All heavy atoms as atom14 arrays in JSON, in Angstrom:
{
  "sequence": "MSKKLCSGCDCILLDVKVGSGAFMKTLPEAQKLAKTMVSIGKHAG",
  "atom14_mask": [
    [1, 1, 1, 1, 1, 1, 1, 1, 0, 0, 0, 0, 0, 0],
    [1, 1, 1, 1, 1, 1, 0, 0, 0, 0, 0, 0, 0, 0],
    [1, 1, 1, 1, 1, 1, 1, 1, 1, 0, 0, 0, 0, 0],
    [1, 1, 1, 1, 1, 1, 1, 1, 1, 0, 0, 0, 0, 0],
    [1, 1, 1, 1, 1, 1, 1, 1, 0, 0, 0, 0, 0, 0],
    [1, 1, 1, 1, 1, 1, 0, 0, 0, 0, 0, 0, 0, 0],
    [1, 1, 1, 1, 1, 1, 0, 0, 0, 0, 0, 0, 0, 0],
    [1, 1, 1, 1, 0, 0, 0, 0, 0, 0, 0, 0, 0, 0],
    [1, 1, 1, 1, 1, 1, 0, 0, 0, 0, 0, 0, 0, 0],
    [1, 1, 1, 1, 1, 1, 1, 1, 0, 0, 0, 0, 0, 0],
    [1, 1, 1, 1, 1, 1, 0, 0, 0, 0, 0, 0, 0, 0],
    [1, 1, 1, 1, 1, 1, 1, 1, 0, 0, 0, 0, 0, 0],
    [1, 1, 1, 1, 1, 1, 1, 1, 0, 0, 0, 0, 0, 0],
    [1, 1, 1, 1, 1, 1, 1, 1, 0, 0, 0, 0, 0, 0],
    [1, 1, 1, 1, 1, 1, 1, 1, 0, 0, 0, 0, 0, 0],
    [1, 1, 1, 1, 1, 1, 1, 0, 0, 0, 0, 0, 0, 0],
    [1, 1, 1, 1, 1, 1, 1, 1, 1, 0, 0, 0, 0, 0],
    [1, 1, 1, 1, 1, 1, 1, 0, 0, 0, 0, 0, 0, 0],
    [1, 1, 1, 1, 0, 0, 0, 0, 0, 0, 0, 0, 0, 0],
    [1, 1, 1, 1, 1, 1, 0, 0, 0, 0, 0, 0, 0, 0],
    [1, 1, 1, 1, 0, 0, 0, 0, 0, 0, 0, 0, 0, 0],
    [1, 1, 1, 1, 1, 0, 0, 0, 0, 0, 0, 0, 0, 0],
    [1, 1, 1, 1, 1, 1, 1, 1, 1, 1, 1, 0, 0, 0],
    [1, 1, 1, 1, 1, 1, 1, 1, 0, 0, 0, 0, 0, 0],
    [1, 1, 1, 1, 1, 1, 1, 1, 1, 0, 0, 0, 0, 0],
    [1, 1, 1, 1, 1, 1, 1, 0, 0, 0, 0, 0, 0, 0],
    [1, 1, 1, 1, 1, 1, 1, 1, 0, 0, 0, 0, 0, 0],
    [1, 1, 1, 1, 1, 1, 1, 0, 0, 0, 0, 0, 0, 0],
    [1, 1, 1, 1, 1, 1, 1, 1, 1, 0, 0, 0, 0, 0],
    [1, 1, 1, 1, 1, 0, 0, 0, 0, 0, 0, 0, 0, 0],
    [1, 1, 1, 1, 1, 1, 1, 1, 1, 0, 0, 0, 0, 0],
    [1, 1, 1, 1, 1, 1, 1, 1, 1, 0, 0, 0, 0, 0],
    [1, 1, 1, 1, 1, 1, 1, 1, 0, 0, 0, 0, 0, 0],
    [1, 1, 1, 1, 1, 0, 0, 0, 0, 0, 0, 0, 0, 0],
    [1, 1, 1, 1, 1, 1, 1, 1, 1, 0, 0, 0, 0, 0],
    [1, 1, 1, 1, 1, 1, 1, 0, 0, 0, 0, 0, 0, 0],
    [1, 1, 1, 1, 1, 1, 1, 1, 0, 0, 0, 0, 0, 0],
    [1, 1, 1, 1, 1, 1, 1, 0, 0, 0, 0, 0, 0, 0],
    [1, 1, 1, 1, 1, 1, 0, 0, 0, 0, 0, 0, 0, 0],
    [1, 1, 1, 1, 1, 1, 1, 1, 0, 0, 0, 0, 0, 0],
    [1, 1, 1, 1, 0, 0, 0, 0, 0, 0, 0, 0, 0, 0],
    [1, 1, 1, 1, 1, 1, 1, 1, 1, 0, 0, 0, 0, 0],
    [1, 1, 1, 1, 1, 1, 1, 1, 1, 1, 0, 0, 0, 0],
    [1, 1, 1, 1, 1, 0, 0, 0, 0, 0, 0, 0, 0, 0],
    [1, 1, 1, 1, 0, 0, 0, 0, 0, 0, 0, 0, 0, 0]
  ],
  "atom14_positions": [
    [[146.05, 159.12, 104.84], [146.19, 159.28, 106.29], [147.51, 158.71, 106.81], [148.01, 159.17, 107.85], [145.01, 158.64, 107.01], [143.68, 159.34, 106.76], [143.69, 161.09, 107.27], [143.75, 160.9, 109.06], [0.0, 0.0, 0.0], [0.0, 0.0, 0.0], [0.0, 0.0, 0.0], [0.0, 0.0, 0.0], [0.0, 0.0, 0.0], [0.0, 0.0, 0.0]],
    [[148.1, 157.73, 106.13], [149.39, 157.21, 106.6], [150.44, 158.31, 106.59], [151.28, 158.4, 107.5], [149.84, 156.01, 105.76], [150.07, 156.38, 104.41], [0.0, 0.0, 0.0], [0.0, 0.0, 0.0], [0.0, 0.0, 0.0], [0.0, 0.0, 0.0], [0.0, 0.0, 0.0], [0.0, 0.0, 0.0], [0.0, 0.0, 0.0], [0.0, 0.0, 0.0]],
    [[150.39, 159.17, 105.56], [151.36, 160.28, 105.5], [151.02, 161.36, 106.52], [151.9, 161.99, 107.09], [151.4, 160.85, 104.08], [151.96, 159.86, 103.06], [152.13, 160.45, 101.69], [150.83, 160.61, 100.97], [150.24, 159.33, 100.52], [0.0, 0.0, 0.0], [0.0, 0.0, 0.0], [0.0, 0.0, 0.0], [0.0, 0.0, 0.0], [0.0, 0.0, 0.0]],
    [[149.73, 161.59, 106.75], [149.33, 162.61, 107.74], [149.75, 162.19, 109.14], [150.14, 163.03, 109.96], [147.81, 162.82, 107.7], [147.3, 163.56, 106.47], [147.77, 165.0, 106.41], [148.9, 165.21, 105.44], [149.39, 166.6, 105.41], [0.0, 0.0, 0.0], [0.0, 0.0, 0.0], [0.0, 0.0, 0.0], [0.0, 0.0, 0.0], [0.0, 0.0, 0.0]],
    [[149.66, 160.9, 109.44], [150.02, 160.43, 110.78], [151.52, 160.53, 111.03], [151.96, 160.5, 112.18], [149.53, 158.99, 110.99], [148.02, 158.78, 110.94], [147.69, 157.32, 111.24], [147.27, 159.7, 111.89], [0.0, 0.0, 0.0], [0.0, 0.0, 0.0], [0.0, 0.0, 0.0], [0.0, 0.0, 0.0], [0.0, 0.0, 0.0], [0.0, 0.0, 0.0]],
    [[152.3, 160.63, 109.95], [153.76, 160.79, 110.08], [154.16, 162.25, 110.27], [155.33, 162.54, 110.55], [154.48, 160.28, 108.84], [154.3, 158.53, 108.53], [0.0, 0.0, 0.0], [0.0, 0.0, 0.0], [0.0, 0.0, 0.0], [0.0, 0.0, 0.0], [0.0, 0.0, 0.0], [0.0, 0.0, 0.0], [0.0, 0.0, 0.0], [0.0, 0.0, 0.0]],
    [[153.23, 163.17, 110.09], [153.59, 164.59, 110.0], [153.8, 165.26, 111.34], [154.22, 166.41, 111.4], [152.51, 165.34, 109.21], [151.3, 165.41, 109.96], [0.0, 0.0, 0.0], [0.0, 0.0, 0.0], [0.0, 0.0, 0.0], [0.0, 0.0, 0.0], [0.0, 0.0, 0.0], [0.0, 0.0, 0.0], [0.0, 0.0, 0.0], [0.0, 0.0, 0.0]],
    [[153.45, 164.58, 112.44], [153.71, 165.13, 113.77], [152.68, 166.09, 114.29], [152.85, 166.69, 115.35], [0.0, 0.0, 0.0], [0.0, 0.0, 0.0], [0.0, 0.0, 0.0], [0.0, 0.0, 0.0], [0.0, 0.0, 0.0], [0.0, 0.0, 0.0], [0.0, 0.0, 0.0], [0.0, 0.0, 0.0], [0.0, 0.0, 0.0], [0.0, 0.0, 0.0]],
    [[151.56, 166.27, 113.57], [150.55, 167.23, 114.01], [149.66, 166.63, 115.09], [149.61, 165.42, 115.29], [149.7, 167.66, 112.81], [148.83, 166.28, 112.04], [0.0, 0.0, 0.0], [0.0, 0.0, 0.0], [0.0, 0.0, 0.0], [0.0, 0.0, 0.0], [0.0, 0.0, 0.0], [0.0, 0.0, 0.0], [0.0, 0.0, 0.0], [0.0, 0.0, 0.0]],
    [[148.95, 167.52, 115.8], [148.01, 167.08, 116.84], [146.58, 166.99, 116.31], [145.78, 166.21, 116.8], [148.03, 168.06, 118.02], [149.42, 168.21, 118.62], [150.01, 167.17, 118.98], [149.92, 169.35, 118.71], [0.0, 0.0, 0.0], [0.0, 0.0, 0.0], [0.0, 0.0, 0.0], [0.0, 0.0, 0.0], [0.0, 0.0, 0.0], [0.0, 0.0, 0.0]],
    [[146.26, 167.84, 115.31], [144.91, 167.92, 114.77], [145.0, 167.92, 113.25], [145.94, 168.45, 112.67], [144.2, 169.2, 115.21], [144.47, 169.69, 116.93], [0.0, 0.0, 0.0], [0.0, 0.0, 0.0], [0.0, 0.0, 0.0], [0.0, 0.0, 0.0], [0.0, 0.0, 0.0], [0.0, 0.0, 0.0], [0.0, 0.0, 0.0], [0.0, 0.0, 0.0]],
    [[143.98, 167.36, 112.6], [143.97, 167.26, 111.14], [142.64, 167.77, 110.6], [141.57, 167.27, 110.99], [144.18, 165.82, 110.67], [145.48, 165.23, 111.23], [144.18, 165.73, 109.15], [145.63, 163.73, 111.01], [0.0, 0.0, 0.0], [0.0, 0.0, 0.0], [0.0, 0.0, 0.0], [0.0, 0.0, 0.0], [0.0, 0.0, 0.0], [0.0, 0.0, 0.0]],
    [[142.69, 168.75, 109.71], [141.52, 169.18, 108.97], [141.65, 168.67, 107.54], [142.64, 168.97, 106.86], [141.38, 170.71, 108.97], [140.18, 171.23, 108.18], [138.86, 170.83, 108.84], [140.24, 172.75, 108.02], [0.0, 0.0, 0.0], [0.0, 0.0, 0.0], [0.0, 0.0, 0.0], [0.0, 0.0, 0.0], [0.0, 0.0, 0.0], [0.0, 0.0, 0.0]],
    [[140.66, 167.93, 107.09], [140.67, 167.35, 105.75], [139.72, 168.15, 104.86], [138.57, 168.39, 105.21], [140.22, 165.89, 105.8], [141.1, 164.96, 106.65], [140.36, 163.67, 106.95], [142.42, 164.69, 105.94], [0.0, 0.0, 0.0], [0.0, 0.0, 0.0], [0.0, 0.0, 0.0], [0.0, 0.0, 0.0], [0.0, 0.0, 0.0], [0.0, 0.0, 0.0]],
    [[140.23, 168.56, 103.7], [139.43, 169.25, 102.69], [139.19, 168.24, 101.57], [140.05, 168.04, 100.71], [140.18, 170.49, 102.2], [139.42, 171.27, 101.14], [138.29, 170.86, 100.82], [139.95, 172.27, 100.64], [0.0, 0.0, 0.0], [0.0, 0.0, 0.0], [0.0, 0.0, 0.0], [0.0, 0.0, 0.0], [0.0, 0.0, 0.0], [0.0, 0.0, 0.0]],
    [[138.03, 167.59, 101.61], [137.72, 166.52, 100.66], [136.96, 167.13, 99.48], [135.83, 167.59, 99.62], [136.89, 165.41, 101.33], [136.58, 164.3, 100.33], [137.65, 164.84, 102.53], [0.0, 0.0, 0.0], [0.0, 0.0, 0.0], [0.0, 0.0, 0.0], [0.0, 0.0, 0.0], [0.0, 0.0, 0.0], [0.0, 0.0, 0.0], [0.0, 0.0, 0.0]],
    [[137.61, 167.14, 98.32], [137.05, 167.77, 97.14], [136.02, 166.86, 96.46], [136.17, 165.64, 96.44], [138.16, 168.11, 96.14], [139.23, 169.06, 96.69], [138.66, 170.42, 96.99], [139.73, 171.41, 97.41], [139.13, 172.67, 97.88], [0.0, 0.0, 0.0], [0.0, 0.0, 0.0], [0.0, 0.0, 0.0], [0.0, 0.0, 0.0], [0.0, 0.0, 0.0]],
    [[134.99, 167.5, 95.88], [133.9, 166.77, 95.23], [133.64, 167.4, 93.86], [133.44, 168.62, 93.77], [132.6, 166.84, 96.06], [131.54, 165.92, 95.45], [132.85, 166.52, 97.52], [0.0, 0.0, 0.0], [0.0, 0.0, 0.0], [0.0, 0.0, 0.0], [0.0, 0.0, 0.0], [0.0, 0.0, 0.0], [0.0, 0.0, 0.0], [0.0, 0.0, 0.0]],
    [[133.64, 166.59, 92.81], [133.29, 167.13, 91.51], [134.22, 166.68, 90.41], [135.08, 165.81, 90.61], [0.0, 0.0, 0.0], [0.0, 0.0, 0.0], [0.0, 0.0, 0.0], [0.0, 0.0, 0.0], [0.0, 0.0, 0.0], [0.0, 0.0, 0.0], [0.0, 0.0, 0.0], [0.0, 0.0, 0.0], [0.0, 0.0, 0.0], [0.0, 0.0, 0.0]],
    [[134.1, 167.27, 89.23], [134.82, 166.8, 88.05], [136.33, 166.9, 88.2], [137.07, 166.09, 87.66], [134.38, 167.59, 86.82], [134.87, 168.92, 86.85], [0.0, 0.0, 0.0], [0.0, 0.0, 0.0], [0.0, 0.0, 0.0], [0.0, 0.0, 0.0], [0.0, 0.0, 0.0], [0.0, 0.0, 0.0], [0.0, 0.0, 0.0], [0.0, 0.0, 0.0]],
    [[136.82, 167.91, 88.95], [138.25, 168.09, 89.12], [138.82, 167.34, 90.29], [140.01, 167.44, 90.59], [0.0, 0.0, 0.0], [0.0, 0.0, 0.0], [0.0, 0.0, 0.0], [0.0, 0.0, 0.0], [0.0, 0.0, 0.0], [0.0, 0.0, 0.0], [0.0, 0.0, 0.0], [0.0, 0.0, 0.0], [0.0, 0.0, 0.0], [0.0, 0.0, 0.0]],
    [[137.98, 166.57, 91.0], [138.41, 165.85, 92.2], [138.44, 164.35, 91.94], [137.88, 163.86, 90.96], [137.44, 166.14, 93.34], [0.0, 0.0, 0.0], [0.0, 0.0, 0.0], [0.0, 0.0, 0.0], [0.0, 0.0, 0.0], [0.0, 0.0, 0.0], [0.0, 0.0, 0.0], [0.0, 0.0, 0.0], [0.0, 0.0, 0.0], [0.0, 0.0, 0.0]],
    [[139.09, 163.63, 92.83], [139.1, 162.18, 92.71], [137.72, 161.61, 92.99], [137.28, 160.65, 92.37], [140.13, 161.58, 93.66], [140.49, 160.17, 93.32], [141.37, 159.89, 92.28], [139.94, 159.11, 94.01], [141.67, 158.58, 91.95], [140.24, 157.8, 93.68], [141.11, 157.53, 92.64], [0.0, 0.0, 0.0], [0.0, 0.0, 0.0], [0.0, 0.0, 0.0]],
    [[137.01, 162.2, 93.96], [135.65, 161.79, 94.29], [134.69, 162.64, 93.45], [134.59, 163.85, 93.65], [135.37, 162.0, 95.78], [136.24, 161.17, 96.71], [135.85, 159.41, 96.65], [137.25, 158.78, 95.74], [0.0, 0.0, 0.0], [0.0, 0.0, 0.0], [0.0, 0.0, 0.0], [0.0, 0.0, 0.0], [0.0, 0.0, 0.0], [0.0, 0.0, 0.0]],
    [[133.99, 162.01, 92.53], [133.13, 162.74, 91.59], [131.76, 163.07, 92.17], [131.11, 164.02, 91.73], [132.94, 161.93, 90.3], [134.24, 161.5, 89.63], [135.12, 162.68, 89.27], [136.39, 162.21, 88.55], [137.34, 163.31, 88.33], [0.0, 0.0, 0.0], [0.0, 0.0, 0.0], [0.0, 0.0, 0.0], [0.0, 0.0, 0.0], [0.0, 0.0, 0.0]],
    [[131.29, 162.27, 93.13], [129.95, 162.46, 93.67], [130.01, 162.69, 95.18], [130.96, 162.27, 95.86], [129.05, 161.25, 93.39], [129.52, 160.12, 94.17], [129.06, 160.89, 91.92], [0.0, 0.0, 0.0], [0.0, 0.0, 0.0], [0.0, 0.0, 0.0], [0.0, 0.0, 0.0], [0.0, 0.0, 0.0], [0.0, 0.0, 0.0], [0.0, 0.0, 0.0]],
    [[128.98, 163.34, 95.69], [128.93, 163.62, 97.13], [128.89, 162.35, 97.98], [129.6, 162.28, 98.98], [127.72, 164.53, 97.43], [127.66, 165.12, 98.84], [128.92, 165.92, 99.17], [126.42, 166.01, 98.97], [0.0, 0.0, 0.0], [0.0, 0.0, 0.0], [0.0, 0.0, 0.0], [0.0, 0.0, 0.0], [0.0, 0.0, 0.0], [0.0, 0.0, 0.0]],
    [[128.1, 161.33, 97.63], [128.13, 160.09, 98.44], [129.52, 159.46, 98.51], [129.94, 158.98, 99.58], [127.13, 159.17, 97.73], [126.18, 160.11, 97.07], [127.01, 161.26, 96.62], [0.0, 0.0, 0.0], [0.0, 0.0, 0.0], [0.0, 0.0, 0.0], [0.0, 0.0, 0.0], [0.0, 0.0, 0.0], [0.0, 0.0, 0.0], [0.0, 0.0, 0.0]],
    [[130.25, 159.45, 97.39], [131.62, 158.91, 97.4], [132.5, 159.71, 98.34], [133.29, 159.15, 99.13], [132.22, 158.97, 95.99], [131.69, 157.98, 94.99], [132.33, 158.18, 93.63], [132.52, 159.32, 93.18], [132.64, 157.16, 93.0], [0.0, 0.0, 0.0], [0.0, 0.0, 0.0], [0.0, 0.0, 0.0], [0.0, 0.0, 0.0], [0.0, 0.0, 0.0]],
    [[132.4, 161.03, 98.25], [133.23, 161.91, 99.08], [132.89, 161.75, 100.56], [133.78, 161.76, 101.42], [133.07, 163.35, 98.64], [0.0, 0.0, 0.0], [0.0, 0.0, 0.0], [0.0, 0.0, 0.0], [0.0, 0.0, 0.0], [0.0, 0.0, 0.0], [0.0, 0.0, 0.0], [0.0, 0.0, 0.0], [0.0, 0.0, 0.0], [0.0, 0.0, 0.0]],
    [[131.6, 161.61, 100.86], [131.19, 161.41, 102.25], [131.76, 160.12, 102.81], [132.23, 160.07, 103.96], [129.66, 161.4, 102.34], [129.03, 162.76, 102.15], [127.52, 162.69, 102.0], [126.97, 161.7, 101.49], [126.83, 163.72, 102.45], [0.0, 0.0, 0.0], [0.0, 0.0, 0.0], [0.0, 0.0, 0.0], [0.0, 0.0, 0.0], [0.0, 0.0, 0.0]],
    [[131.74, 159.07, 102.0], [132.28, 157.79, 102.46], [133.78, 157.89, 102.72], [134.27, 157.4, 103.74], [131.99, 156.71, 101.4], [132.36, 155.31, 101.85], [131.93, 154.28, 100.81], [132.31, 152.87, 101.26], [131.92, 151.85, 100.25], [0.0, 0.0, 0.0], [0.0, 0.0, 0.0], [0.0, 0.0, 0.0], [0.0, 0.0, 0.0], [0.0, 0.0, 0.0]],
    [[134.51, 158.54, 101.8], [135.95, 158.72, 102.01], [136.22, 159.57, 103.24], [137.1, 159.24, 104.06], [136.57, 159.37, 100.78], [138.07, 159.72, 100.88], [138.9, 158.46, 101.12], [138.54, 160.45, 99.63], [0.0, 0.0, 0.0], [0.0, 0.0, 0.0], [0.0, 0.0, 0.0], [0.0, 0.0, 0.0], [0.0, 0.0, 0.0], [0.0, 0.0, 0.0]],
    [[135.47, 160.66, 103.4], [135.68, 161.55, 104.55], [135.43, 160.82, 105.87], [136.21, 160.94, 106.82], [134.76, 162.76, 104.43], [0.0, 0.0, 0.0], [0.0, 0.0, 0.0], [0.0, 0.0, 0.0], [0.0, 0.0, 0.0], [0.0, 0.0, 0.0], [0.0, 0.0, 0.0], [0.0, 0.0, 0.0], [0.0, 0.0, 0.0], [0.0, 0.0, 0.0]],
    [[134.35, 160.05, 105.93], [134.04, 159.31, 107.16], [135.15, 158.31, 107.48], [135.53, 158.14, 108.65], [132.7, 158.6, 107.01], [131.5, 159.53, 107.05], [130.2, 158.76, 106.81], [129.0, 159.72, 106.8], [127.73, 159.02, 106.49], [0.0, 0.0, 0.0], [0.0, 0.0, 0.0], [0.0, 0.0, 0.0], [0.0, 0.0, 0.0], [0.0, 0.0, 0.0]],
    [[135.67, 157.65, 106.45], [136.74, 156.68, 106.67], [137.99, 157.36, 107.2], [138.63, 156.89, 108.15], [137.05, 155.93, 105.36], [135.86, 155.29, 104.87], [138.12, 154.88, 105.58], [0.0, 0.0, 0.0], [0.0, 0.0, 0.0], [0.0, 0.0, 0.0], [0.0, 0.0, 0.0], [0.0, 0.0, 0.0], [0.0, 0.0, 0.0], [0.0, 0.0, 0.0]],
    [[138.38, 158.5, 106.6], [139.6, 159.19, 107.03], [139.44, 159.79, 108.43], [140.37, 159.76, 109.24], [139.97, 160.27, 106.02], [140.44, 159.7, 104.7], [141.28, 160.9, 103.62], [139.94, 162.01, 103.26], [0.0, 0.0, 0.0], [0.0, 0.0, 0.0], [0.0, 0.0, 0.0], [0.0, 0.0, 0.0], [0.0, 0.0, 0.0], [0.0, 0.0, 0.0]],
    [[138.27, 160.34, 108.73], [138.04, 160.88, 110.07], [138.11, 159.77, 111.11], [138.69, 159.94, 112.2], [136.67, 161.62, 110.13], [136.28, 161.94, 111.57], [136.74, 162.91, 109.31], [0.0, 0.0, 0.0], [0.0, 0.0, 0.0], [0.0, 0.0, 0.0], [0.0, 0.0, 0.0], [0.0, 0.0, 0.0], [0.0, 0.0, 0.0], [0.0, 0.0, 0.0]],
    [[137.55, 158.62, 110.78], [137.61, 157.47, 111.69], [139.06, 157.04, 111.94], [139.45, 156.75, 113.09], [136.82, 156.3, 111.09], [136.96, 155.13, 111.87], [0.0, 0.0, 0.0], [0.0, 0.0, 0.0], [0.0, 0.0, 0.0], [0.0, 0.0, 0.0], [0.0, 0.0, 0.0], [0.0, 0.0, 0.0], [0.0, 0.0, 0.0], [0.0, 0.0, 0.0]],
    [[139.88, 157.03, 110.89], [141.29, 156.68, 111.05], [141.99, 157.68, 111.96], [142.74, 157.3, 112.87], [142.0, 156.64, 109.67], [141.48, 155.47, 108.83], [143.51, 156.53, 109.83], [141.93, 155.51, 107.38], [0.0, 0.0, 0.0], [0.0, 0.0, 0.0], [0.0, 0.0, 0.0], [0.0, 0.0, 0.0], [0.0, 0.0, 0.0], [0.0, 0.0, 0.0]],
    [[141.76, 158.97, 111.71], [142.39, 160.0, 112.53], [142.05, 159.86, 114.0], [142.92, 159.94, 114.87], [0.0, 0.0, 0.0], [0.0, 0.0, 0.0], [0.0, 0.0, 0.0], [0.0, 0.0, 0.0], [0.0, 0.0, 0.0], [0.0, 0.0, 0.0], [0.0, 0.0, 0.0], [0.0, 0.0, 0.0], [0.0, 0.0, 0.0], [0.0, 0.0, 0.0]],
    [[140.79, 159.65, 114.28], [140.36, 159.51, 115.68], [140.93, 158.24, 116.29], [141.32, 158.23, 117.47], [138.83, 159.51, 115.75], [138.22, 160.88, 115.43], [136.71, 160.86, 115.51], [136.14, 162.26, 115.28], [134.65, 162.27, 115.32], [0.0, 0.0, 0.0], [0.0, 0.0, 0.0], [0.0, 0.0, 0.0], [0.0, 0.0, 0.0], [0.0, 0.0, 0.0]],
    [[140.98, 157.17, 115.51], [141.56, 155.92, 115.99], [143.02, 156.1, 116.39], [143.51, 155.47, 117.33], [141.45, 154.85, 114.9], [141.74, 153.46, 115.37], [140.76, 152.61, 115.86], [142.9, 152.75, 115.44], [141.31, 151.46, 116.2], [142.6, 151.51, 115.95], [0.0, 0.0, 0.0], [0.0, 0.0, 0.0], [0.0, 0.0, 0.0], [0.0, 0.0, 0.0]],
    [[143.7, 157.01, 115.69], [145.12, 157.28, 115.96], [145.3, 158.36, 117.03], [146.44, 158.77, 117.3], [145.81, 157.71, 114.68], [0.0, 0.0, 0.0], [0.0, 0.0, 0.0], [0.0, 0.0, 0.0], [0.0, 0.0, 0.0], [0.0, 0.0, 0.0], [0.0, 0.0, 0.0], [0.0, 0.0, 0.0], [0.0, 0.0, 0.0], [0.0, 0.0, 0.0]],
    [[144.21, 158.84, 117.61], [144.3, 159.82, 118.68], [144.45, 161.26, 118.21], [144.86, 162.13, 118.99], [0.0, 0.0, 0.0], [0.0, 0.0, 0.0], [0.0, 0.0, 0.0], [0.0, 0.0, 0.0], [0.0, 0.0, 0.0], [0.0, 0.0, 0.0], [0.0, 0.0, 0.0], [0.0, 0.0, 0.0], [0.0, 0.0, 0.0], [0.0, 0.0, 0.0]]
  ]
}
């Protein structure tokens, strides 16, 4: 999100990958990461 906040955009859509080819292997892990990033985005307006 630090790089996304530098990009000058007004809105951010995050595609959080889940599974063997992703950094987050399980759905609970991915949900936790997604919630954290969405919270950061909203905190930054």
